[in-house]
Amino acid sequence: AGFDRDRGAERVFRLSRITGKVRSRAAKYTAEVPDVVTVRETVARWAGESAERSALIRLRAGAGYPLRAKAAAVREGAGGEGWDELEIPYGHGLDAWLVEFGPDVVVLEPADLRADVVDRLRAVAKG
């Protein structure tokens, strides 16, 4: 996370997208370093996540630790034998993230998120 001088705002940069030597394009720049850096909160804000908006998913028991860590609620066994139900914050990019868990996750609600995940999985299957 850092301050983007071109956009004049706090931004989050994916390290995997930074290639080559990092250098400043302008004169020397100094900025006050904050006492606390809240990268997770910044990313959640950018992704449009909020406490008012959540998704309900079914997750295979023992799988998906990152989803469990982000969950507002976990109901063990509520998804049937071997499955738990989780409420997780719903924001930009959640469909792509859920696809990464493959057969260990099923989206129950909202319907548009479920459709987006199914579309992504079909695209991967067509490969």
C-alpha atoms as a PDB file:
ATOM      1  CA  ALA A   1       0.000   0.000   0.000  1.00  0.00           C
ATOM      2  CA  GLY A   2       1.196   3.483  -0.713  1.00  0.00           C
ATOM      3  CA  PHE A   3       0.312   6.946  -1.909  1.00  0.00           C
ATOM      4  CA  ASP A   4      -0.004   7.214  -5.682  1.00  0.00           C
ATOM      5  CA  ARG A   5       1.280  10.671  -6.600  1.00  0.00           C
ATOM      6  CA  ASP A   6      -0.235  10.505 -10.093  1.00  0.00           C
ATOM      7  CA  ARG A   7      -3.724   9.750  -8.772  1.00  0.00           C
ATOM      8  CA  GLY A   8      -3.360  11.675  -5.522  1.00  0.00           C
ATOM      9  CA  ALA A   9      -4.774   8.824  -3.460  1.00  0.00           C
ATOM     10  CA  GLU A  10      -3.881   5.808  -1.358  1.00  0.00           C
ATOM     11  CA  ARG A  11      -3.526   2.726  -3.547  1.00  0.00           C
ATOM     12  CA  VAL A  12      -2.669  -0.946  -3.218  1.00  0.00           C
ATOM     13  CA  PHE A  13      -0.096  -2.389  -5.595  1.00  0.00           C
ATOM     14  CA  ARG A  14       0.228  -6.104  -6.392  1.00  0.00           C
ATOM     15  CA  LEU A  15       3.869  -7.051  -6.071  1.00  0.00           C
ATOM     16  CA  SER A  16       3.459  -9.738  -8.733  1.00  0.00           C
ATOM     17  CA  ARG A  17       2.694  -7.010 -11.290  1.00  0.00           C
ATOM     18  CA  ILE A  18       5.840  -5.020 -10.571  1.00  0.00           C
ATOM     19  CA  THR A  19       8.578  -6.061 -12.977  1.00  0.00           C
ATOM     20  CA  GLY A  20      12.018  -4.633 -13.475  1.00  0.00           C
ATOM     21  CA  LYS A  21      13.811  -2.125 -11.332  1.00  0.00           C
ATOM     22  CA  VAL A  22      11.584   0.213  -9.322  1.00  0.00           C
ATOM     23  CA  ARG A  23      12.564   3.856  -9.613  1.00  0.00           C
ATOM     24  CA  SER A  24      11.013   7.244  -9.116  1.00  0.00           C
ATOM     25  CA  ARG A  25      10.038   9.175 -12.237  1.00  0.00           C
ATOM     26  CA  ALA A  26      10.119  12.539 -10.500  1.00  0.00           C
ATOM     27  CA  ALA A  27      12.262  14.556  -8.150  1.00  0.00           C
ATOM     28  CA  LYS A  28      12.898  13.420  -4.613  1.00  0.00           C
ATOM     29  CA  TYR A  29       9.636  12.886  -2.764  1.00  0.00           C
ATOM     30  CA  THR A  30       9.117  12.680   0.953  1.00  0.00           C
ATOM     31  CA  ALA A  31       5.964  11.682   2.713  1.00  0.00           C
ATOM     32  CA  GLU A  32       4.945  11.251   6.294  1.00  0.00           C
ATOM     33  CA  VAL A  33       4.900   7.571   7.243  1.00  0.00           C
ATOM     34  CA  PRO A  34       1.649   6.699   9.052  1.00  0.00           C
ATOM     35  CA  ASP A  35       1.761   5.035  12.461  1.00  0.00           C
ATOM     36  CA  VAL A  36      -0.575   2.299  11.252  1.00  0.00           C
ATOM     37  CA  VAL A  37      -0.909   0.831   7.767  1.00  0.00           C
ATOM     38  CA  THR A  38      -4.196  -0.988   7.188  1.00  0.00           C
ATOM     39  CA  VAL A  39      -3.632  -2.803   3.911  1.00  0.00           C
ATOM     40  CA  ARG A  40      -6.491  -5.279   4.413  1.00  0.00           C
ATOM     41  CA  GLU A  41      -8.948  -2.503   5.188  1.00  0.00           C
ATOM     42  CA  THR A  42      -7.739  -0.491   2.206  1.00  0.00           C
ATOM     43  CA  VAL A  43      -8.211  -3.471  -0.111  1.00  0.00           C
ATOM     44  CA  ALA A  44     -11.666  -4.194   1.340  1.00  0.00           C
ATOM     45  CA  ARG A  45     -12.682  -0.561   0.844  1.00  0.00           C
ATOM     46  CA  TRP A  46     -11.370  -0.599  -2.740  1.00  0.00           C
ATOM     47  CA  ALA A  47     -13.218  -3.859  -3.439  1.00  0.00           C
ATOM     48  CA  GLY A  48     -16.488  -2.353  -2.239  1.00  0.00           C
ATOM     49  CA  GLU A  49     -16.794  -4.724   0.700  1.00  0.00           C
ATOM     50  CA  SER A  50     -19.050  -3.687   3.534  1.00  0.00           C
ATOM     51  CA  ALA A  51     -20.751  -5.220   6.532  1.00  0.00           C
ATOM     52  CA  GLU A  52     -24.116  -4.672   4.793  1.00  0.00           C
ATOM     53  CA  ARG A  53     -23.224  -6.807   1.785  1.00  0.00           C
ATOM     54  CA  SER A  54     -22.397 -10.477   2.187  1.00  0.00           C
ATOM     55  CA  ALA A  55     -22.418 -13.723   0.272  1.00  0.00           C
ATOM     56  CA  LEU A  56     -23.546 -17.093   1.575  1.00  0.00           C
ATOM     57  CA  ILE A  57     -21.359 -19.992   0.496  1.00  0.00           C
ATOM     58  CA  ARG A  58     -21.051 -23.667   1.256  1.00  0.00           C
ATOM     59  CA  LEU A  59     -17.462 -24.713   1.952  1.00  0.00           C
ATOM     60  CA  ARG A  60     -16.082 -28.212   2.320  1.00  0.00           C
ATOM     61  CA  ALA A  61     -15.114 -28.921   5.935  1.00  0.00           C
ATOM     62  CA  GLY A  62     -11.367 -28.502   6.452  1.00  0.00           C
ATOM     63  CA  ALA A  63     -10.904 -26.477   3.260  1.00  0.00           C
ATOM     64  CA  GLY A  64     -10.619 -22.803   2.399  1.00  0.00           C
ATOM     65  CA  TYR A  65      -8.795 -21.357   5.385  1.00  0.00           C
ATOM     66  CA  PRO A  66      -8.546 -17.868   3.799  1.00  0.00           C
ATOM     67  CA  LEU A  67     -12.326 -17.819   3.332  1.00  0.00           C
ATOM     68  CA  ARG A  68     -12.872 -18.918   6.925  1.00  0.00           C
ATOM     69  CA  ALA A  69     -10.535 -16.192   8.168  1.00  0.00           C
ATOM     70  CA  LYS A  70     -12.562 -13.562   6.299  1.00  0.00           C
ATOM     71  CA  ALA A  71     -15.994 -14.938   7.254  1.00  0.00           C
ATOM     72  CA  ALA A  72     -18.420 -12.902   9.339  1.00  0.00           C
ATOM     73  CA  ALA A  73     -20.117 -16.154  10.354  1.00  0.00           C
ATOM     74  CA  VAL A  74     -19.313 -19.860  10.055  1.00  0.00           C
ATOM     75  CA  ARG A  75     -21.974 -22.519  10.649  1.00  0.00           C
ATOM     76  CA  GLU A  76     -20.185 -25.843  10.855  1.00  0.00           C
ATOM     77  CA  GLY A  77     -22.120 -28.746   9.365  1.00  0.00           C
ATOM     78  CA  ALA A  78     -24.965 -26.469   8.229  1.00  0.00           C
ATOM     79  CA  GLY A  79     -24.241 -27.260   4.587  1.00  0.00           C
ATOM     80  CA  GLY A  80     -24.795 -30.984   5.013  1.00  0.00           C
ATOM     81  CA  GLU A  81     -22.366 -33.732   5.888  1.00  0.00           C
ATOM     82  CA  GLY A  82     -18.818 -32.557   5.276  1.00  0.00           C
ATOM     83  CA  TRP A  83     -19.871 -28.983   4.445  1.00  0.00           C
ATOM     84  CA  ASP A  84     -20.047 -25.714   6.374  1.00  0.00           C
ATOM     85  CA  GLU A  85     -21.893 -22.514   5.522  1.00  0.00           C
ATOM     86  CA  LEU A  86     -20.096 -19.172   5.640  1.00  0.00           C
ATOM     87  CA  GLU A  87     -21.142 -15.569   5.307  1.00  0.00           C
ATOM     88  CA  ILE A  88     -18.352 -13.589   3.709  1.00  0.00           C
ATOM     89  CA  PRO A  89     -18.048  -9.932   2.659  1.00  0.00           C
ATOM     90  CA  TYR A  90     -19.146  -9.470  -0.926  1.00  0.00           C
ATOM     91  CA  GLY A  91     -17.185  -7.052  -3.071  1.00  0.00           C
ATOM     92  CA  HIS A  92     -15.371  -6.657  -6.363  1.00  0.00           C
ATOM     93  CA  GLY A  93     -13.376  -9.733  -7.398  1.00  0.00           C
ATOM     94  CA  LEU A  94     -15.053 -12.219  -5.066  1.00  0.00           C
ATOM     95  CA  ASP A  95     -16.144 -14.392  -7.993  1.00  0.00           C
ATOM     96  CA  ALA A  96     -12.546 -14.807  -9.195  1.00  0.00           C
ATOM     97  CA  TRP A  97     -11.358 -15.605  -5.685  1.00  0.00           C
ATOM     98  CA  LEU A  98     -14.050 -18.238  -5.095  1.00  0.00           C
ATOM     99  CA  VAL A  99     -13.176 -19.989  -8.364  1.00  0.00           C
ATOM    100  CA  GLU A 100      -9.691 -20.618  -6.968  1.00  0.00           C
ATOM    101  CA  PHE A 101     -11.217 -23.005  -4.399  1.00  0.00           C
ATOM    102  CA  GLY A 102     -12.685 -25.196  -7.153  1.00  0.00           C
ATOM    103  CA  PRO A 103     -14.942 -28.020  -5.978  1.00  0.00           C
ATOM    104  CA  ASP A 104     -14.541 -27.035  -2.315  1.00  0.00           C
ATOM    105  CA  VAL A 105     -16.939 -24.073  -2.610  1.00  0.00           C
ATOM    106  CA  VAL A 106     -20.549 -23.609  -3.721  1.00  0.00           C
ATOM    107  CA  VAL A 107     -22.138 -20.155  -3.885  1.00  0.00           C
ATOM    108  CA  LEU A 108     -25.643 -20.109  -2.439  1.00  0.00           C
ATOM    109  CA  GLU A 109     -26.394 -16.364  -2.493  1.00  0.00           C
ATOM    110  CA  PRO A 110     -26.579 -13.898  -4.138  1.00  0.00           C
ATOM    111  CA  ALA A 111     -27.708 -15.318  -7.474  1.00  0.00           C
ATOM    112  CA  ASP A 112     -25.585 -12.916  -9.555  1.00  0.00           C
ATOM    113  CA  LEU A 113     -22.416 -13.987  -7.742  1.00  0.00           C
ATOM    114  CA  ARG A 114     -23.323 -17.641  -8.246  1.00  0.00           C
ATOM    115  CA  ALA A 115     -23.847 -17.009 -11.980  1.00  0.00           C
ATOM    116  CA  ASP A 116     -20.493 -15.198 -12.258  1.00  0.00           C
ATOM    117  CA  VAL A 117     -18.666 -18.078 -10.549  1.00  0.00           C
ATOM    118  CA  VAL A 118     -20.378 -20.656 -12.786  1.00  0.00           C
ATOM    119  CA  ASP A 119     -19.458 -18.605 -15.893  1.00  0.00           C
ATOM    120  CA  ARG A 120     -15.815 -18.469 -14.801  1.00  0.00           C
ATOM    121  CA  LEU A 121     -15.714 -22.206 -14.101  1.00  0.00           C
ATOM    122  CA  ARG A 122     -17.226 -22.955 -17.524  1.00  0.00           C
ATOM    123  CA  ALA A 123     -14.604 -20.745 -19.171  1.00  0.00           C
ATOM    124  CA  VAL A 124     -11.833 -22.635 -17.359  1.00  0.00           C
ATOM    125  CA  ALA A 125     -13.356 -25.990 -18.365  1.00  0.00           C
ATOM    126  CA  LYS A 126     -13.373 -24.927 -22.029  1.00  0.00           C
ATOM    127  CA  GLY A 127      -9.719 -24.011 -21.546  1.00  0.00           C
END
